[in-house]
N, C-alpha and C. Protein backbone atom coordinates (compact mmCIF):
# COMPACT_ATOMS: atom_id res chain seq x y z
N UNK A 1 -50.97 -13.17 -34.92
CA UNK A 1 -51.65 -12.63 -33.85
C UNK A 1 -52.23 -11.16 -34.22
N UNK A 2 -53.55 -10.87 -34.17
CA UNK A 2 -54.07 -9.76 -34.41
C UNK A 2 -53.40 -8.43 -33.58
N UNK A 3 -53.40 -7.36 -34.28
CA UNK A 3 -52.75 -5.96 -33.35
C UNK A 3 -53.91 -5.70 -32.53
N UNK A 4 -53.51 -5.42 -31.32
CA UNK A 4 -54.62 -5.16 -30.43
C UNK A 4 -54.57 -3.66 -29.88
N UNK A 5 -53.14 -2.87 -30.54
CA UNK A 5 -53.39 -1.58 -30.13
C UNK A 5 -54.38 -0.43 -30.96
N UNK A 6 -54.99 0.65 -30.44
CA UNK A 6 -55.87 1.27 -31.26
C UNK A 6 -55.37 2.19 -31.95
N UNK A 7 -53.92 2.70 -31.48
CA UNK A 7 -53.10 3.99 -32.27
C UNK A 7 -51.97 3.32 -32.99
N UNK A 8 -51.64 3.89 -33.90
CA UNK A 8 -50.54 3.67 -34.82
C UNK A 8 -49.13 3.85 -34.09
N UNK A 9 -48.35 2.65 -34.16
CA UNK A 9 -47.13 3.10 -33.35
C UNK A 9 -46.41 3.65 -34.45
N UNK A 10 -45.05 4.15 -33.92
CA UNK A 10 -44.17 4.67 -34.45
C UNK A 10 -42.54 4.58 -34.22
N UNK A 11 -41.71 3.65 -34.76
CA UNK A 11 -40.63 3.26 -34.17
C UNK A 11 -39.70 4.53 -34.06
N UNK A 12 -39.26 4.96 -32.63
CA UNK A 12 -38.01 5.78 -32.63
C UNK A 12 -36.83 5.58 -32.06
N UNK A 13 -36.00 6.34 -31.77
CA UNK A 13 -34.93 6.24 -31.01
C UNK A 13 -34.46 7.73 -30.36
N UNK A 14 -35.23 7.94 -29.33
CA UNK A 14 -35.30 9.03 -28.56
C UNK A 14 -34.55 9.04 -27.40
N UNK A 15 -33.88 9.62 -26.74
CA UNK A 15 -33.36 9.79 -25.33
C UNK A 15 -34.57 10.25 -24.57
N UNK A 16 -34.87 9.82 -23.22
CA UNK A 16 -35.58 9.98 -22.44
C UNK A 16 -35.21 9.69 -21.12
N UNK A 17 -35.95 10.95 -20.14
CA UNK A 17 -35.77 10.57 -18.67
C UNK A 17 -37.18 10.26 -18.07
N UNK A 18 -37.02 9.51 -17.01
CA UNK A 18 -38.31 9.18 -16.16
C UNK A 18 -37.87 9.98 -14.88
N UNK A 19 -38.69 11.15 -14.56
CA UNK A 19 -38.69 11.98 -13.63
C UNK A 19 -38.57 11.42 -12.26
N UNK A 20 -37.84 11.58 -11.47
CA UNK A 20 -37.87 11.12 -10.25
C UNK A 20 -38.58 11.85 -9.20
N UNK A 21 -39.12 10.61 -8.49
CA UNK A 21 -40.17 11.21 -7.48
C UNK A 21 -39.34 11.40 -6.25
N UNK A 22 -39.88 12.71 -5.49
CA UNK A 22 -39.22 12.49 -3.89
C UNK A 22 -37.75 12.93 -3.95
N UNK A 23 -37.49 13.72 -4.83
CA UNK A 23 -35.97 14.03 -5.00
C UNK A 23 -34.93 12.63 -5.37
N UNK A 24 -35.81 11.77 -5.93
CA UNK A 24 -34.72 10.60 -6.65
C UNK A 24 -34.28 11.13 -7.93
N UNK A 25 -32.99 10.71 -8.66
CA UNK A 25 -32.36 11.09 -9.47
C UNK A 25 -33.28 10.53 -10.82
N UNK A 26 -33.44 11.27 -11.69
CA UNK A 26 -33.96 10.48 -13.04
C UNK A 26 -33.22 9.58 -13.51
N UNK A 27 -34.29 8.43 -14.40
CA UNK A 27 -33.85 7.65 -14.69
C UNK A 27 -33.99 7.86 -16.23
N UNK A 28 -32.43 7.51 -17.05
CA UNK A 28 -32.23 7.58 -18.22
C UNK A 28 -32.92 6.46 -18.98
N UNK A 29 -33.37 6.75 -20.16
CA UNK A 29 -34.18 5.61 -21.14
C UNK A 29 -34.10 5.88 -22.39
N UNK A 30 -34.45 4.96 -23.17
CA UNK A 30 -34.77 5.30 -24.55
C UNK A 30 -36.07 4.85 -25.10
N UNK A 31 -36.71 6.18 -25.80
CA UNK A 31 -37.82 6.07 -26.40
C UNK A 31 -37.98 5.00 -27.46
N UNK A 32 -38.50 3.72 -27.53
CA UNK A 32 -38.43 2.79 -29.01
C UNK A 32 -39.70 3.06 -29.71
N UNK A 33 -40.79 2.98 -28.97
CA UNK A 33 -42.11 3.18 -29.72
C UNK A 33 -42.67 4.00 -29.17
N UNK A 34 -43.65 4.77 -29.97
CA UNK A 34 -44.25 5.93 -29.60
C UNK A 34 -45.84 6.18 -30.50
N UNK A 35 -46.71 6.04 -29.76
CA UNK A 35 -47.83 6.39 -30.24
C UNK A 35 -48.95 7.62 -29.54
N UNK A 36 -50.10 7.88 -30.20
CA UNK A 36 -50.54 9.00 -29.43
C UNK A 36 -51.17 8.51 -27.86
N UNK A 37 -51.30 7.56 -27.79
CA UNK A 37 -51.73 6.91 -26.42
C UNK A 37 -50.61 6.19 -25.67
N UNK A 38 -49.64 6.03 -25.88
CA UNK A 38 -48.57 5.63 -25.26
C UNK A 38 -47.13 5.14 -25.98
N UNK A 39 -46.15 4.56 -25.12
CA UNK A 39 -44.70 4.67 -25.35
C UNK A 39 -44.10 3.29 -25.05
N UNK A 40 -43.07 2.73 -25.78
CA UNK A 40 -42.31 1.58 -25.15
C UNK A 40 -40.73 2.19 -24.71
N UNK A 41 -40.28 1.95 -23.59
CA UNK A 41 -39.22 2.36 -23.10
C UNK A 41 -38.13 1.41 -22.97
N UNK A 42 -36.92 1.52 -23.39
CA UNK A 42 -35.77 0.59 -22.86
C UNK A 42 -35.03 1.03 -21.71
N UNK A 43 -34.76 0.44 -20.84
CA UNK A 43 -33.53 0.78 -19.72
C UNK A 43 -32.79 0.07 -19.82
N UNK A 44 -31.23 0.68 -19.64
CA UNK A 44 -30.28 -0.37 -19.40
C UNK A 44 -29.74 -0.63 -18.11
N UNK A 45 -30.01 -1.79 -17.77
CA UNK A 45 -29.55 -2.06 -16.34
C UNK A 45 -30.93 -2.29 -15.46
N UNK A 46 -30.88 -2.56 -14.08
CA UNK A 46 -32.17 -2.73 -13.36
C UNK A 46 -32.64 -1.26 -12.91
N UNK A 47 -33.93 -1.00 -12.81
CA UNK A 47 -34.52 0.22 -12.26
C UNK A 47 -35.58 -0.03 -11.55
N UNK A 48 -35.87 0.69 -10.51
CA UNK A 48 -37.01 0.89 -10.16
C UNK A 48 -37.72 1.56 -10.26
N UNK A 49 -39.07 1.51 -11.21
CA UNK A 49 -39.69 2.54 -12.21
C UNK A 49 -40.95 2.53 -11.46
N UNK A 50 -41.67 3.74 -10.79
CA UNK A 50 -42.91 4.01 -10.43
C UNK A 50 -44.09 3.85 -11.33
N UNK A 51 -45.08 3.24 -10.78
CA UNK A 51 -46.40 3.25 -11.49
C UNK A 51 -46.21 4.22 -12.31
N UNK A 52 -46.88 5.47 -11.51
CA UNK A 52 -46.92 6.66 -12.49
C UNK A 52 -45.84 7.62 -12.47
N UNK A 53 -45.39 8.17 -13.62
CA UNK A 53 -44.28 9.03 -13.65
C UNK A 53 -44.45 10.03 -14.82
N UNK A 54 -43.73 11.16 -14.71
CA UNK A 54 -43.45 11.95 -15.82
C UNK A 54 -42.57 11.72 -16.83
N UNK A 55 -42.47 11.32 -17.99
CA UNK A 55 -41.87 11.01 -19.08
C UNK A 55 -41.23 12.07 -20.05
N UNK A 56 -39.79 12.48 -19.77
CA UNK A 56 -39.47 13.71 -20.47
C UNK A 56 -38.89 13.05 -21.60
N UNK A 57 -38.66 13.93 -22.98
CA UNK A 57 -37.96 13.65 -23.81
C UNK A 57 -37.32 15.11 -24.57
N UNK A 58 -36.17 15.36 -23.92
CA UNK A 58 -35.67 16.78 -23.92
C UNK A 58 -35.42 17.02 -25.22
N UNK A 59 -34.98 16.46 -26.44
CA UNK A 59 -34.64 16.65 -27.64
C UNK A 59 -35.78 17.02 -28.22
N UNK A 60 -36.91 16.73 -27.92
CA UNK A 60 -38.23 17.00 -28.43
C UNK A 60 -38.99 18.01 -27.92
N UNK A 61 -38.45 18.51 -26.51
CA UNK A 61 -38.88 19.46 -25.70
C UNK A 61 -40.47 19.21 -25.32
N UNK A 62 -40.31 17.68 -25.03
CA UNK A 62 -41.78 17.03 -24.46
C UNK A 62 -41.77 16.33 -23.26
N UNK A 63 -42.86 16.60 -22.55
CA UNK A 63 -43.12 15.82 -21.37
C UNK A 63 -44.64 15.44 -21.34
N UNK A 64 -44.71 14.01 -20.40
CA UNK A 64 -46.03 13.65 -20.48
C UNK A 64 -46.03 12.75 -19.23
N UNK A 65 -47.27 12.84 -18.41
CA UNK A 65 -47.61 11.72 -17.13
C UNK A 65 -48.18 10.51 -17.89
N UNK A 66 -47.51 9.63 -17.35
CA UNK A 66 -47.58 8.28 -17.81
C UNK A 66 -47.85 7.15 -16.72
N UNK A 67 -48.60 5.99 -17.26
CA UNK A 67 -48.71 4.99 -16.19
C UNK A 67 -48.03 3.67 -16.58
N UNK A 68 -47.50 2.99 -15.95
CA UNK A 68 -46.82 1.95 -16.25
C UNK A 68 -47.56 0.77 -16.56
N UNK A 69 -47.64 0.09 -17.92
CA UNK A 69 -48.86 -0.94 -18.09
C UNK A 69 -48.08 -2.62 -17.99
N UNK A 70 -46.70 -2.43 -18.31
CA UNK A 70 -46.21 -3.91 -18.53
C UNK A 70 -44.54 -3.69 -18.61
N UNK A 71 -44.20 -4.63 -18.15
CA UNK A 71 -42.51 -4.79 -18.27
C UNK A 71 -41.89 -5.99 -18.39
N UNK A 72 -40.64 -6.33 -18.96
CA UNK A 72 -40.11 -7.64 -19.11
C UNK A 72 -38.87 -7.25 -18.09
N UNK A 73 -38.72 -6.39 -17.70
CA UNK A 73 -37.34 -6.22 -16.62
C UNK A 73 -36.35 -5.29 -17.48
N UNK A 74 -36.58 -5.07 -19.13
CA UNK A 74 -35.55 -4.08 -19.73
C UNK A 74 -36.50 -3.43 -20.72
N UNK A 75 -37.56 -3.92 -21.12
CA UNK A 75 -38.82 -2.86 -21.55
C UNK A 75 -39.81 -2.42 -20.93
N UNK A 76 -40.26 -1.35 -20.93
CA UNK A 76 -41.30 -0.89 -20.25
C UNK A 76 -42.39 -0.50 -21.05
N UNK A 77 -43.72 -0.65 -21.17
CA UNK A 77 -44.68 -0.22 -21.83
C UNK A 77 -45.53 0.67 -20.97
N UNK A 78 -46.31 1.83 -21.37
CA UNK A 78 -46.54 2.92 -20.47
C UNK A 78 -47.60 3.68 -21.25
N UNK A 79 -48.92 3.86 -20.61
CA UNK A 79 -49.61 4.68 -21.35
C UNK A 79 -49.93 6.07 -20.72
N UNK A 80 -50.12 7.12 -21.52
CA UNK A 80 -50.23 8.41 -21.36
C UNK A 80 -51.61 8.92 -20.69
N UNK A 81 -51.44 9.41 -19.58
CA UNK A 81 -52.40 9.78 -18.67
C UNK A 81 -53.14 11.37 -18.72
N UNK A 82 -52.04 12.22 -19.22
CA UNK A 82 -52.21 13.24 -19.42
C UNK A 82 -51.53 14.30 -19.84
């Protein structure tokens, strides 16, 4: 199957956080793939992930606004929006 992504992906093993909205606690996640345009996250257990959220990667001192694009219930693909 041909590659549909426009940006090269890099495999990572970073701890991340999906910032909680409206006072909700952040959701812990792992950043497994990272590119200029998006990210693949892995979350242990079930979680109610918002369509738009701030992804924080504390060890890298990074944060970015993202939009959820797909999920299979454990893996979540998101596109950077800002």
